[in-house]
């Protein structure tokens, strides 16, 4: 199939701060160019476009990552003292999951979005 998700808009209370936080936590570079959005390139085909929004419902974003990326991101989560957990309903239990034979974790952004990391794709 040739359909590829190119970008998605991520609502935030402060787009620049949200983009900076996300880039730092995931290990990416923030694009500091001006404009309506604060973009962060996730990979060769996907960009997150952070947008200032007064009110929004939190969203869920899931990422398939390598074991090394998982370890690096988890270390930053712990280093920031962020709550994390093993499932969407227990995102603060301090545990990892082992779904599909890999490792997984959930944590929240400052804007309340639920971020998921998994080493084995679902």
PDB file of N, CA and C in Angstrom:
ATOM      1  N   UNK A   1       0.837  -1.174   0.000  1.00  0.00           N
ATOM      2  CA  UNK A   1       0.000   0.000   0.000  1.00  0.00           C
ATOM      3  C   UNK A   1       0.886   1.243   0.000  1.00  0.00           C
ATOM      4  N   UNK A   2       0.524   2.246  -0.724  1.00  0.00           N
ATOM      5  CA  UNK A   2       1.344   3.455  -0.835  1.00  0.00           C
ATOM      6  C   UNK A   2       0.833   4.616   0.012  1.00  0.00           C
ATOM      7  N   UNK A   3      -0.167   4.392   0.826  1.00  0.00           N
ATOM      8  CA  UNK A   3      -0.673   5.461   1.686  1.00  0.00           C
ATOM      9  C   UNK A   3       0.260   5.619   2.878  1.00  0.00           C
ATOM     10  N   UNK A   4       0.731   6.851   3.091  1.00  0.00           N
ATOM     11  CA  UNK A   4       1.647   7.147   4.187  1.00  0.00           C
ATOM     12  C   UNK A   4       1.134   8.390   4.909  1.00  0.00           C
ATOM     13  N   UNK A   5       1.054   8.324   6.223  1.00  0.00           N
ATOM     14  CA  UNK A   5       0.676   9.496   6.994  1.00  0.00           C
ATOM     15  C   UNK A   5       1.818  10.502   6.918  1.00  0.00           C
ATOM     16  N   UNK A   6       1.539  11.702   6.428  1.00  0.00           N
ATOM     17  CA  UNK A   6       2.556  12.731   6.222  1.00  0.00           C
ATOM     18  C   UNK A   6       2.703  13.650   7.419  1.00  0.00           C
ATOM     19  N   UNK A   7       1.599  14.099   7.985  1.00  0.00           N
ATOM     20  CA  UNK A   7       1.654  14.960   9.167  1.00  0.00           C
ATOM     21  C   UNK A   7       0.345  14.871   9.936  1.00  0.00           C
ATOM     22  N   UNK A   8       0.416  15.287  11.168  1.00  0.00           N
ATOM     23  CA  UNK A   8      -0.784  15.393  11.988  1.00  0.00           C
ATOM     24  C   UNK A   8      -0.632  16.613  12.876  1.00  0.00           C
ATOM     25  N   UNK A   9      -1.744  17.228  13.192  1.00  0.00           N
ATOM     26  CA  UNK A   9      -1.735  18.407  14.039  1.00  0.00           C
ATOM     27  C   UNK A   9      -1.912  17.964  15.481  1.00  0.00           C
ATOM     28  N   UNK A  10      -1.029  18.460  16.340  1.00  0.00           N
ATOM     29  CA  UNK A  10      -1.062  18.137  17.761  1.00  0.00           C
ATOM     30  C   UNK A  10      -1.458  19.407  18.518  1.00  0.00           C
ATOM     31  N   UNK A  11      -2.637  19.425  19.127  1.00  0.00           N
ATOM     32  CA  UNK A  11      -3.062  20.621  19.856  1.00  0.00           C
ATOM     33  C   UNK A  11      -2.231  20.808  21.130  1.00  0.00           C
ATOM     34  N   UNK A  12      -1.957  22.061  21.448  1.00  0.00           N
ATOM     35  CA  UNK A  12      -1.151  22.379  22.626  1.00  0.00           C
ATOM     36  C   UNK A  12      -1.565  23.728  23.189  1.00  0.00           C
ATOM     37  N   UNK A  13      -1.313  23.908  24.467  1.00  0.00           N
ATOM     38  CA  UNK A  13      -1.582  25.206  25.079  1.00  0.00           C
ATOM     39  C   UNK A  13      -0.518  26.221  24.669  1.00  0.00           C
ATOM     40  N   UNK A  14       0.717  25.743  24.427  1.00  0.00           N
ATOM     41  CA  UNK A  14       1.824  26.575  23.946  1.00  0.00           C
ATOM     42  C   UNK A  14       2.593  25.730  22.939  1.00  0.00           C
ATOM     43  N   UNK A  15       2.369  25.984  21.656  1.00  0.00           N
ATOM     44  CA  UNK A  15       2.915  25.121  20.604  1.00  0.00           C
ATOM     45  C   UNK A  15       4.433  25.013  20.651  1.00  0.00           C
ATOM     46  N   UNK A  16       5.126  26.118  20.894  1.00  0.00           N
ATOM     47  CA  UNK A  16       6.604  26.090  20.924  1.00  0.00           C
ATOM     48  C   UNK A  16       7.103  25.252  22.092  1.00  0.00           C
ATOM     49  N   UNK A  17       6.534  25.463  23.269  1.00  0.00           N
ATOM     50  CA  UNK A  17       6.948  24.698  24.437  1.00  0.00           C
ATOM     51  C   UNK A  17       6.614  23.217  24.258  1.00  0.00           C
ATOM     52  N   UNK A  18       5.455  22.914  23.707  1.00  0.00           N
ATOM     53  CA  UNK A  18       5.065  21.515  23.481  1.00  0.00           C
ATOM     54  C   UNK A  18       6.002  20.842  22.481  1.00  0.00           C
ATOM     55  N   UNK A  19       6.334  21.538  21.401  1.00  0.00           N
ATOM     56  CA  UNK A  19       7.252  20.982  20.401  1.00  0.00           C
ATOM     57  C   UNK A  19       8.635  20.764  20.997  1.00  0.00           C
ATOM     58  N   UNK A  20       9.102  21.719  21.779  1.00  0.00           N
ATOM     59  CA  UNK A  20      10.419  21.618  22.422  1.00  0.00           C
ATOM     60  C   UNK A  20      10.443  20.420  23.370  1.00  0.00           C
ATOM     61  N   UNK A  21       9.400  20.277  24.205  1.00  0.00           N
ATOM     62  CA  UNK A  21       9.336  19.173  25.157  1.00  0.00           C
ATOM     63  C   UNK A  21       9.302  17.831  24.430  1.00  0.00           C
ATOM     64  N   UNK A  22       8.429  17.708  23.436  1.00  0.00           N
ATOM     65  CA  UNK A  22       8.298  16.455  22.689  1.00  0.00           C
ATOM     66  C   UNK A  22       9.621  16.080  22.018  1.00  0.00           C
ATOM     67  N   UNK A  23      10.234  17.037  21.340  1.00  0.00           N
ATOM     68  CA  UNK A  23      11.500  16.762  20.649  1.00  0.00           C
ATOM     69  C   UNK A  23      12.564  16.297  21.639  1.00  0.00           C
ATOM     70  N   UNK A  24      12.652  16.960  22.761  1.00  0.00           N
ATOM     71  CA  UNK A  24      13.656  16.597  23.753  1.00  0.00           C
ATOM     72  C   UNK A  24      13.384  15.207  24.327  1.00  0.00           C
ATOM     73  N   UNK A  25      12.140  14.918  24.670  1.00  0.00           N
ATOM     74  CA  UNK A  25      11.815  13.631  25.284  1.00  0.00           C
ATOM     75  C   UNK A  25      12.020  12.464  24.317  1.00  0.00           C
ATOM     76  N   UNK A  26      11.632  12.637  23.067  1.00  0.00           N
ATOM     77  CA  UNK A  26      11.714  11.542  22.097  1.00  0.00           C
ATOM     78  C   UNK A  26      13.096  11.460  21.453  1.00  0.00           C
ATOM     79  N   UNK A  27      13.880  12.514  21.567  1.00  0.00           N
ATOM     80  CA  UNK A  27      15.223  12.506  20.998  1.00  0.00           C
ATOM     81  C   UNK A  27      15.245  13.003  19.566  1.00  0.00           C
ATOM     82  N   UNK A  28      14.420  13.994  19.276  1.00  0.00           N
ATOM     83  CA  UNK A  28      14.319  14.563  17.931  1.00  0.00           C
ATOM     84  C   UNK A  28      14.738  16.027  17.964  1.00  0.00           C
ATOM     85  N   UNK A  29      14.765  16.643  16.803  1.00  0.00           N
ATOM     86  CA  UNK A  29      15.085  18.070  16.722  1.00  0.00           C
ATOM     87  C   UNK A  29      13.827  18.859  16.427  1.00  0.00           C
ATOM     88  N   UNK A  30      13.672  19.932  17.146  1.00  0.00           N
ATOM     89  CA  UNK A  30      12.570  20.850  16.899  1.00  0.00           C
ATOM     90  C   UNK A  30      12.948  21.753  15.741  1.00  0.00           C
ATOM     91  N   UNK A  31      12.010  22.000  14.847  1.00  0.00           N
ATOM     92  CA  UNK A  31      12.197  22.959  13.756  1.00  0.00           C
ATOM     93  C   UNK A  31      11.771  24.316  14.293  1.00  0.00           C
ATOM     94  N   UNK A  32      12.722  25.208  14.515  1.00  0.00           N
ATOM     95  CA  UNK A  32      12.418  26.483  15.147  1.00  0.00           C
ATOM     96  C   UNK A  32      11.993  27.561  14.160  1.00  0.00           C
ATOM     97  N   UNK A  33      11.697  27.181  12.940  1.00  0.00           N
ATOM     98  CA  UNK A  33      11.219  28.166  11.971  1.00  0.00           C
ATOM     99  C   UNK A  33       9.875  28.714  12.422  1.00  0.00           C
ATOM    100  N   UNK A  34       9.596  29.930  12.040  1.00  0.00           N
ATOM    101  CA  UNK A  34       8.332  30.553  12.429  1.00  0.00           C
ATOM    102  C   UNK A  34       7.171  29.950  11.660  1.00  0.00           C
ATOM    103  N   UNK A  35       6.019  30.515  11.843  1.00  0.00           N
ATOM    104  CA  UNK A  35       4.850  30.039  11.129  1.00  0.00           C
ATOM    105  C   UNK A  35       3.719  29.688  12.058  1.00  0.00           C
ATOM    106  N   UNK A  36       2.656  29.249  11.443  1.00  0.00           N
ATOM    107  CA  UNK A  36       1.444  28.918  12.193  1.00  0.00           C
ATOM    108  C   UNK A  36       1.644  27.720  13.117  1.00  0.00           C
ATOM    109  N   UNK A  37       2.480  26.763  12.713  1.00  0.00           N
ATOM    110  CA  UNK A  37       2.723  25.551  13.485  1.00  0.00           C
ATOM    111  C   UNK A  37       4.147  25.522  14.021  1.00  0.00           C
ATOM    112  N   UNK A  38       4.368  24.704  15.031  1.00  0.00           N
ATOM    113  CA  UNK A  38       5.710  24.394  15.528  1.00  0.00           C
ATOM    114  C   UNK A  38       5.983  22.939  15.140  1.00  0.00           C
ATOM    115  N   UNK A  39       6.706  22.720  14.037  1.00  0.00           N
ATOM    116  CA  UNK A  39       6.886  21.354  13.532  1.00  0.00           C
ATOM    117  C   UNK A  39       8.026  20.581  14.196  1.00  0.00           C
ATOM    118  N   UNK A  40       7.807  19.281  14.327  1.00  0.00           N
ATOM    119  CA  UNK A  40       8.851  18.348  14.746  1.00  0.00           C
ATOM    120  C   UNK A  40       8.770  17.169  13.791  1.00  0.00           C
ATOM    121  N   UNK A  41       9.861  16.914  13.058  1.00  0.00           N
ATOM    122  CA  UNK A  41       9.902  15.776  12.141  1.00  0.00           C
ATOM    123  C   UNK A  41      10.153  14.518  12.953  1.00  0.00           C
ATOM    124  N   UNK A  42       9.203  13.590  12.895  1.00  0.00           N
ATOM    125  CA  UNK A  42       9.299  12.340  13.643  1.00  0.00           C
ATOM    126  C   UNK A  42      10.174  11.334  12.896  1.00  0.00           C
ATOM    127  N   UNK A  43      10.001  11.259  11.577  1.00  0.00           N
ATOM    128  CA  UNK A  43      10.825  10.391  10.732  1.00  0.00           C
ATOM    129  C   UNK A  43      10.763  10.938   9.303  1.00  0.00           C
ATOM    130  N   UNK A  44      11.236  10.185   8.338  1.00  0.00           N
ATOM    131  CA  UNK A  44      11.293  10.666   6.953  1.00  0.00           C
ATOM    132  C   UNK A  44       9.930  10.978   6.353  1.00  0.00           C
ATOM    133  N   UNK A  45       8.872  10.411   6.912  1.00  0.00           N
ATOM    134  CA  UNK A  45       7.553  10.602   6.301  1.00  0.00           C
ATOM    135  C   UNK A  45       6.538  11.287   7.206  1.00  0.00           C
ATOM    136  N   UNK A  46       6.853  11.499   8.477  1.00  0.00           N
ATOM    137  CA  UNK A  46       5.851  12.034   9.408  1.00  0.00           C
ATOM    138  C   UNK A  46       6.368  13.246  10.163  1.00  0.00           C
ATOM    139  N   UNK A  47       5.567  14.295  10.180  1.00  0.00           N
ATOM    140  CA  UNK A  47       5.857  15.496  10.957  1.00  0.00           C
ATOM    141  C   UNK A  47       4.693  15.774  11.892  1.00  0.00           C
ATOM    142  N   UNK A  48       5.004  16.081  13.143  1.00  0.00           N
ATOM    143  CA  UNK A  48       4.000  16.560  14.087  1.00  0.00           C
ATOM    144  C   UNK A  48       3.984  18.075  13.987  1.00  0.00           C
ATOM    145  N   UNK A  49       2.811  18.641  13.761  1.00  0.00           N
ATOM    146  CA  UNK A  49       2.637  20.082  13.675  1.00  0.00           C
ATOM    147  C   UNK A  49       1.908  20.539  14.932  1.00  0.00           C
ATOM    148  N   UNK A  50       2.633  21.093  15.882  1.00  0.00           N
ATOM    149  CA  UNK A  50       2.037  21.562  17.127  1.00  0.00           C
ATOM    150  C   UNK A  50       1.326  22.874  16.864  1.00  0.00           C
ATOM    151  N   UNK A  51       0.106  22.984  17.381  1.00  0.00           N
ATOM    152  CA  UNK A  51      -0.755  24.133  17.119  1.00  0.00           C
ATOM    153  C   UNK A  51      -1.309  24.664  18.441  1.00  0.00           C
ATOM    154  N   UNK A  52      -1.283  25.989  18.590  1.00  0.00           N
ATOM    155  CA  UNK A  52      -1.883  26.600  19.771  1.00  0.00           C
ATOM    156  C   UNK A  52      -3.392  26.412  19.735  1.00  0.00           C
ATOM    157  N   UNK A  53      -3.936  25.863  20.804  1.00  0.00           N
ATOM    158  CA  UNK A  53      -5.379  25.660  20.932  1.00  0.00           C
ATOM    159  C   UNK A  53      -5.774  26.036  22.358  1.00  0.00           C
ATOM    160  N   UNK A  54      -6.868  26.748  22.501  1.00  0.00           N
ATOM    161  CA  UNK A  54      -7.335  27.144  23.834  1.00  0.00           C
ATOM    162  C   UNK A  54      -7.848  25.940  24.621  1.00  0.00           C
ATOM    163  N   UNK A  55      -8.570  25.065  23.956  1.00  0.00           N
ATOM    164  CA  UNK A  55      -9.135  23.887  24.616  1.00  0.00           C
ATOM    165  C   UNK A  55      -9.112  22.712  23.643  1.00  0.00           C
ATOM    166  N   UNK A  56      -8.867  21.531  24.179  1.00  0.00           N
ATOM    167  CA  UNK A  56      -8.836  20.327  23.349  1.00  0.00           C
ATOM    168  C   UNK A  56      -8.913  19.108  24.254  1.00  0.00           C
ATOM    169  N   UNK A  57      -9.332  17.996  23.664  1.00  0.00           N
ATOM    170  CA  UNK A  57      -9.303  16.716  24.364  1.00  0.00           C
ATOM    171  C   UNK A  57      -7.936  16.093  24.162  1.00  0.00           C
ATOM    172  N   UNK A  58      -7.334  15.520  25.201  1.00  0.00           N
ATOM    173  CA  UNK A  58      -6.046  14.846  25.045  1.00  0.00           C
ATOM    174  C   UNK A  58      -6.146  13.717  24.023  1.00  0.00           C
ATOM    175  N   UNK A  59      -5.070  13.481  23.325  1.00  0.00           N
ATOM    176  CA  UNK A  59      -4.990  12.455  22.284  1.00  0.00           C
ATOM    177  C   UNK A  59      -4.005  11.368  22.688  1.00  0.00           C
ATOM    178  N   UNK A  60      -3.979  10.295  21.924  1.00  0.00           N
ATOM    179  CA  UNK A  60      -3.055   9.179  22.143  1.00  0.00           C
ATOM    180  C   UNK A  60      -2.159   9.060  20.918  1.00  0.00           C
ATOM    181  N   UNK A  61      -0.858   9.039  21.148  1.00  0.00           N
ATOM    182  CA  UNK A  61       0.121   8.876  20.070  1.00  0.00           C
ATOM    183  C   UNK A  61       1.027   7.706  20.435  1.00  0.00           C
ATOM    184  N   UNK A  62       1.109   6.713  19.552  1.00  0.00           N
ATOM    185  CA  UNK A  62       1.885   5.503  19.817  1.00  0.00           C
ATOM    186  C   UNK A  62       3.055   5.419  18.843  1.00  0.00           C
ATOM    187  N   UNK A  63       4.225   5.025  19.361  1.00  0.00           N
ATOM    188  CA  UNK A  63       5.448   4.969  18.562  1.00  0.00           C
ATOM    189  C   UNK A  63       6.110   3.611  18.694  1.00  0.00           C
ATOM    190  N   UNK A  64       6.418   3.013  17.560  1.00  0.00           N
ATOM    191  CA  UNK A  64       7.210   1.790  17.521  1.00  0.00           C
ATOM    192  C   UNK A  64       8.664   2.236  17.473  1.00  0.00           C
ATOM    193  N   UNK A  65       9.454   1.825  18.454  1.00  0.00           N
ATOM    194  CA  UNK A  65      10.846   2.261  18.565  1.00  0.00           C
ATOM    195  C   UNK A  65      11.760   1.056  18.736  1.00  0.00           C
ATOM    196  N   UNK A  66      13.038   1.259  18.471  1.00  0.00           N
ATOM    197  CA  UNK A  66      14.020   0.194  18.688  1.00  0.00           C
ATOM    198  C   UNK A  66      14.259   0.036  20.192  1.00  0.00           C
ATOM    199  N   UNK A  67      14.921  -1.042  20.569  1.00  0.00           N
ATOM    200  CA  UNK A  67      15.258  -1.244  21.976  1.00  0.00           C
ATOM    201  C   UNK A  67      16.146  -0.118  22.497  1.00  0.00           C
ATOM    202  N   UNK A  68      17.122   0.301  21.701  1.00  0.00           N
ATOM    203  CA  UNK A  68      18.014   1.382  22.126  1.00  0.00           C
ATOM    204  C   UNK A  68      17.255   2.696  22.289  1.00  0.00           C
ATOM    205  N   UNK A  69      16.353   3.000  21.362  1.00  0.00           N
ATOM    206  CA  UNK A  69      15.541   4.215  21.475  1.00  0.00           C
ATOM    207  C   UNK A  69      14.639   4.142  22.707  1.00  0.00           C
ATOM    208  N   UNK A  70      14.051   2.986  22.941  1.00  0.00           N
ATOM    209  CA  UNK A  70      13.201   2.789  24.113  1.00  0.00           C
ATOM    210  C   UNK A  70      13.986   3.095  25.387  1.00  0.00           C
ATOM    211  N   UNK A  71      15.191   2.514  25.493  1.00  0.00           N
ATOM    212  CA  UNK A  71      16.017   2.726  26.684  1.00  0.00           C
ATOM    213  C   UNK A  71      16.355   4.201  26.869  1.00  0.00           C
ATOM    214  N   UNK A  72      16.701   4.896  25.794  1.00  0.00           N
ATOM    215  CA  UNK A  72      17.054   6.318  25.874  1.00  0.00           C
ATOM    216  C   UNK A  72      15.869   7.170  26.298  1.00  0.00           C
ATOM    217  N   UNK A  73      14.717   6.917  25.686  1.00  0.00           N
ATOM    218  CA  UNK A  73      13.525   7.707  26.015  1.00  0.00           C
ATOM    219  C   UNK A  73      13.081   7.412  27.446  1.00  0.00           C
ATOM    220  N   UNK A  74      13.087   6.146  27.839  1.00  0.00           N
ATOM    221  CA  UNK A  74      12.696   5.793  29.205  1.00  0.00           C
ATOM    222  C   UNK A  74      13.629   6.459  30.219  1.00  0.00           C
ATOM    223  N   UNK A  75      14.914   6.528  29.905  1.00  0.00           N
ATOM    224  CA  UNK A  75      15.858   7.208  30.803  1.00  0.00           C
ATOM    225  C   UNK A  75      15.510   8.693  30.932  1.00  0.00           C
ATOM    226  N   UNK A  76      15.097   9.328  29.829  1.00  0.00           N
ATOM    227  CA  UNK A  76      14.695  10.744  29.907  1.00  0.00           C
ATOM    228  C   UNK A  76      13.398  10.902  30.702  1.00  0.00           C
ATOM    229  N   UNK A  77      12.453   9.975  30.529  1.00  0.00           N
ATOM    230  CA  UNK A  77      11.208  10.007  31.303  1.00  0.00           C
ATOM    231  C   UNK A  77      11.536   9.942  32.788  1.00  0.00           C
ATOM    232  N   UNK A  78      12.360   8.983  33.162  1.00  0.00           N
ATOM    233  CA  UNK A  78      12.738   8.828  34.566  1.00  0.00           C
ATOM    234  C   UNK A  78      13.541  10.029  35.047  1.00  0.00           C
ATOM    235  N   UNK A  79      14.440  10.532  34.204  1.00  0.00           N
ATOM    236  CA  UNK A  79      15.257  11.684  34.564  1.00  0.00           C
ATOM    237  C   UNK A  79      14.435  12.935  34.832  1.00  0.00           C
ATOM    238  N   UNK A  80      13.314  13.057  34.142  1.00  0.00           N
ATOM    239  CA  UNK A  80      12.409  14.191  34.337  1.00  0.00           C
ATOM    240  C   UNK A  80      11.436  13.955  35.492  1.00  0.00           C
ATOM    241  N   UNK A  81      11.480  12.763  36.057  1.00  0.00           N
ATOM    242  CA  UNK A  81      10.579  12.438  37.156  1.00  0.00           C
ATOM    243  C   UNK A  81       9.132  12.298  36.729  1.00  0.00           C
ATOM    244  N   UNK A  82       8.915  11.942  35.458  1.00  0.00           N
ATOM    245  CA  UNK A  82       7.557  11.789  34.943  1.00  0.00           C
ATOM    246  C   UNK A  82       6.960  10.454  35.373  1.00  0.00           C
ATOM    247  N   UNK A  83       5.673  10.479  35.641  1.00  0.00           N
ATOM    248  CA  UNK A  83       4.963   9.235  35.916  1.00  0.00           C
ATOM    249  C   UNK A  83       4.869   8.437  34.620  1.00  0.00           C
ATOM    250  N   UNK A  84       4.976   7.119  34.736  1.00  0.00           N
ATOM    251  CA  UNK A  84       4.836   6.247  33.568  1.00  0.00           C
ATOM    252  C   UNK A  84       4.183   4.961  34.015  1.00  0.00           C
ATOM    253  N   UNK A  85       3.662   4.215  33.030  1.00  0.00           N
ATOM    254  CA  UNK A  85       2.998   2.983  33.388  1.00  0.00           C
ATOM    255  C   UNK A  85       2.876   1.994  32.260  1.00  0.00           C
ATOM    256  N   UNK A  86       2.244   0.888  32.574  1.00  0.00           N
ATOM    257  CA  UNK A  86       2.216  -0.273  31.683  1.00  0.00           C
ATOM    258  C   UNK A  86       1.014  -0.344  30.752  1.00  0.00           C
ATOM    259  N   UNK A  87       0.019   0.535  30.936  1.00  0.00           N
ATOM    260  CA  UNK A  87      -1.185   0.476  30.104  1.00  0.00           C
ATOM    261  C   UNK A  87      -1.890   1.831  30.144  1.00  0.00           C
ATOM    262  N   UNK A  88      -2.792   2.066  29.199  1.00  0.00           N
ATOM    263  CA  UNK A  88      -3.510   3.345  29.214  1.00  0.00           C
ATOM    264  C   UNK A  88      -4.282   3.569  30.514  1.00  0.00           C
ATOM    265  N   UNK A  89      -4.797   2.505  31.101  1.00  0.00           N
ATOM    266  CA  UNK A  89      -5.585   2.608  32.325  1.00  0.00           C
ATOM    267  C   UNK A  89      -4.711   2.577  33.577  1.00  0.00           C
ATOM    268  N   UNK A  90      -3.410   2.378  33.405  1.00  0.00           N
ATOM    269  CA  UNK A  90      -2.481   2.395  34.543  1.00  0.00           C
ATOM    270  C   UNK A  90      -1.191   3.098  34.127  1.00  0.00           C
ATOM    271  N   UNK A  91      -1.344   4.289  33.608  1.00  0.00           N
ATOM    272  CA  UNK A  91      -0.211   5.042  33.057  1.00  0.00           C
ATOM    273  C   UNK A  91       0.684   5.652  34.131  1.00  0.00           C
ATOM    274  N   UNK A  92       0.417   5.312  35.385  1.00  0.00           N
ATOM    275  CA  UNK A  92       1.245   5.840  36.471  1.00  0.00           C
ATOM    276  C   UNK A  92       1.674   4.747  37.444  1.00  0.00           C
ATOM    277  N   UNK A  93       1.642   3.481  37.014  1.00  0.00           N
ATOM    278  CA  UNK A  93       1.976   2.392  37.940  1.00  0.00           C
ATOM    279  C   UNK A  93       3.481   2.114  38.025  1.00  0.00           C
ATOM    280  N   UNK A  94       4.304   2.848  37.255  1.00  0.00           N
ATOM    281  CA  UNK A  94       5.752   2.685  37.322  1.00  0.00           C
ATOM    282  C   UNK A  94       6.251   1.379  36.728  1.00  0.00           C
ATOM    283  N   UNK A  95       5.419   0.698  35.942  1.00  0.00           N
ATOM    284  CA  UNK A  95       5.764  -0.596  35.358  1.00  0.00           C
ATOM    285  C   UNK A  95       5.820  -0.500  33.829  1.00  0.00           C
ATOM    286  N   UNK A  96       6.477  -1.475  33.212  1.00  0.00           N
ATOM    287  CA  UNK A  96       6.483  -1.635  31.764  1.00  0.00           C
ATOM    288  C   UNK A  96       5.591  -2.822  31.433  1.00  0.00           C
ATOM    289  N   UNK A  97       5.154  -2.897  30.173  1.00  0.00           N
ATOM    290  CA  UNK A  97       4.431  -4.097  29.752  1.00  0.00           C
ATOM    291  C   UNK A  97       5.326  -4.927  28.839  1.00  0.00           C
ATOM    292  N   UNK A  98       4.902  -6.162  28.560  1.00  0.00           N
ATOM    293  CA  UNK A  98       5.662  -7.052  27.679  1.00  0.00           C
ATOM    294  C   UNK A  98       4.770  -7.603  26.571  1.00  0.00           C
ATOM    295  N   UNK A  99       3.855  -6.756  26.112  1.00  0.00           N
ATOM    296  CA  UNK A  99       2.906  -7.175  25.088  1.00  0.00           C
ATOM    297  C   UNK A  99       3.622  -7.558  23.798  1.00  0.00           C
ATOM    298  N   UNK A 100       3.148  -8.614  23.183  1.00  0.00           N
ATOM    299  CA  UNK A 100       3.689  -9.133  21.919  1.00  0.00           C
ATOM    300  C   UNK A 100       5.167  -9.501  22.019  1.00  0.00           C
ATOM    301  N   UNK A 101       5.654  -9.749  23.231  1.00  0.00           N
ATOM    302  CA  UNK A 101       7.040 -10.165  23.414  1.00  0.00           C
ATOM    303  C   UNK A 101       8.041  -9.023  23.446  1.00  0.00           C
ATOM    304  N   UNK A 102       7.580  -7.796  23.475  1.00  0.00           N
ATOM    305  CA  UNK A 102       8.473  -6.641  23.546  1.00  0.00           C
ATOM    306  C   UNK A 102       8.259  -5.881  24.840  1.00  0.00           C
ATOM    307  N   UNK A 103       8.711  -4.641  24.842  1.00  0.00           N
ATOM    308  CA  UNK A 103       8.498  -3.781  26.000  1.00  0.00           C
ATOM    309  C   UNK A 103       7.636  -2.596  25.581  1.00  0.00           C
ATOM    310  N   UNK A 104       6.817  -2.118  26.506  1.00  0.00           N
ATOM    311  CA  UNK A 104       5.982  -0.963  26.233  1.00  0.00           C
ATOM    312  C   UNK A 104       5.811  -0.109  27.462  1.00  0.00           C
ATOM    313  N   UNK A 105       5.541   1.180  27.223  1.00  0.00           N
ATOM    314  CA  UNK A 105       5.342   2.112  28.323  1.00  0.00           C
ATOM    315  C   UNK A 105       4.432   3.244  27.865  1.00  0.00           C
ATOM    316  N   UNK A 106       3.714   3.812  28.815  1.00  0.00           N
ATOM    317  CA  UNK A 106       2.835   4.952  28.576  1.00  0.00           C
ATOM    318  C   UNK A 106       3.250   6.091  29.494  1.00  0.00           C
ATOM    319  N   UNK A 107       3.151   7.334  28.997  1.00  0.00           N
ATOM    320  CA  UNK A 107       3.394   8.510  29.828  1.00  0.00           C
ATOM    321  C   UNK A 107       2.657   9.687  29.209  1.00  0.00           C
ATOM    322  N   UNK A 108       2.474  10.744  29.998  1.00  0.00           N
ATOM    323  CA  UNK A 108       1.699  11.896  29.537  1.00  0.00           C
ATOM    324  C   UNK A 108       2.590  13.103  29.259  1.00  0.00           C
ATOM    325  N   UNK A 109       2.192  13.845  28.231  1.00  0.00           N
ATOM    326  CA  UNK A 109       2.851  15.113  27.935  1.00  0.00           C
ATOM    327  C   UNK A 109       2.309  16.171  28.895  1.00  0.00           C
ATOM    328  N   UNK A 110       2.968  17.314  29.001  1.00  0.00           N
ATOM    329  CA  UNK A 110       2.431  18.391  29.846  1.00  0.00           C
ATOM    330  C   UNK A 110       1.025  18.828  29.429  1.00  0.00           C
ATOM    331  N   UNK A 111       0.642  18.633  28.167  1.00  0.00           N
ATOM    332  CA  UNK A 111      -0.697  18.976  27.696  1.00  0.00           C
ATOM    333  C   UNK A 111      -1.700  17.855  27.912  1.00  0.00           C
ATOM    334  N   UNK A 112      -1.266  16.739  28.497  1.00  0.00           N
ATOM    335  CA  UNK A 112      -2.178  15.647  28.813  1.00  0.00           C
ATOM    336  C   UNK A 112      -2.297  14.566  27.765  1.00  0.00           C
ATOM    337  N   UNK A 113      -1.569  14.684  26.645  1.00  0.00           N
ATOM    338  CA  UNK A 113      -1.616  13.638  25.625  1.00  0.00           C
ATOM    339  C   UNK A 113      -0.952  12.372  26.171  1.00  0.00           C
ATOM    340  N   UNK A 114      -1.527  11.216  25.838  1.00  0.00           N
ATOM    341  CA  UNK A 114      -0.981   9.940  26.276  1.00  0.00           C
ATOM    342  C   UNK A 114      -0.032   9.425  25.189  1.00  0.00           C
ATOM    343  N   UNK A 115       1.239   9.318  25.537  1.00  0.00           N
ATOM    344  CA  UNK A 115       2.254   8.832  24.604  1.00  0.00           C
ATOM    345  C   UNK A 115       2.579   7.389  24.941  1.00  0.00           C
ATOM    346  N   UNK A 116       2.724   6.581  23.922  1.00  0.00           N
ATOM    347  CA  UNK A 116       3.019   5.165  24.088  1.00  0.00           C
ATOM    348  C   UNK A 116       4.269   4.825  23.292  1.00  0.00           C
ATOM    349  N   UNK A 117       5.147   4.049  23.904  1.00  0.00           N
ATOM    350  CA  UNK A 117       6.330   3.488  23.224  1.00  0.00           C
ATOM    351  C   UNK A 117       6.221   1.989  23.251  1.00  0.00           C
ATOM    352  N   UNK A 118       6.557   1.348  22.133  1.00  0.00           N
ATOM    353  CA  UNK A 118       6.548  -0.116  22.070  1.00  0.00           C
ATOM    354  C   UNK A 118       7.727  -0.588  21.231  1.00  0.00           C
ATOM    355  N   UNK A 119       8.366  -1.672  21.662  1.00  0.00           N
ATOM    356  CA  UNK A 119       9.485  -2.208  20.895  1.00  0.00           C
ATOM    357  C   UNK A 119       9.059  -3.250  19.880  1.00  0.00           C
ATOM    358  N   UNK A 120       7.847  -3.757  20.000  1.00  0.00           N
ATOM    359  CA  UNK A 120       7.274  -4.672  19.015  1.00  0.00           C
ATOM    360  C   UNK A 120       5.952  -4.050  18.545  1.00  0.00           C
ATOM    361  N   UNK A 121       5.843  -3.853  17.236  1.00  0.00           N
ATOM    362  CA  UNK A 121       4.638  -3.217  16.695  1.00  0.00           C
ATOM    363  C   UNK A 121       3.414  -4.078  16.950  1.00  0.00           C
ATOM    364  N   UNK A 122       2.284  -3.434  17.143  1.00  0.00           N
ATOM    365  CA  UNK A 122       1.037  -4.162  17.361  1.00  0.00           C
ATOM    366  C   UNK A 122       0.292  -4.341  16.076  1.00  0.00           C
TER     367      UNK A 122
END
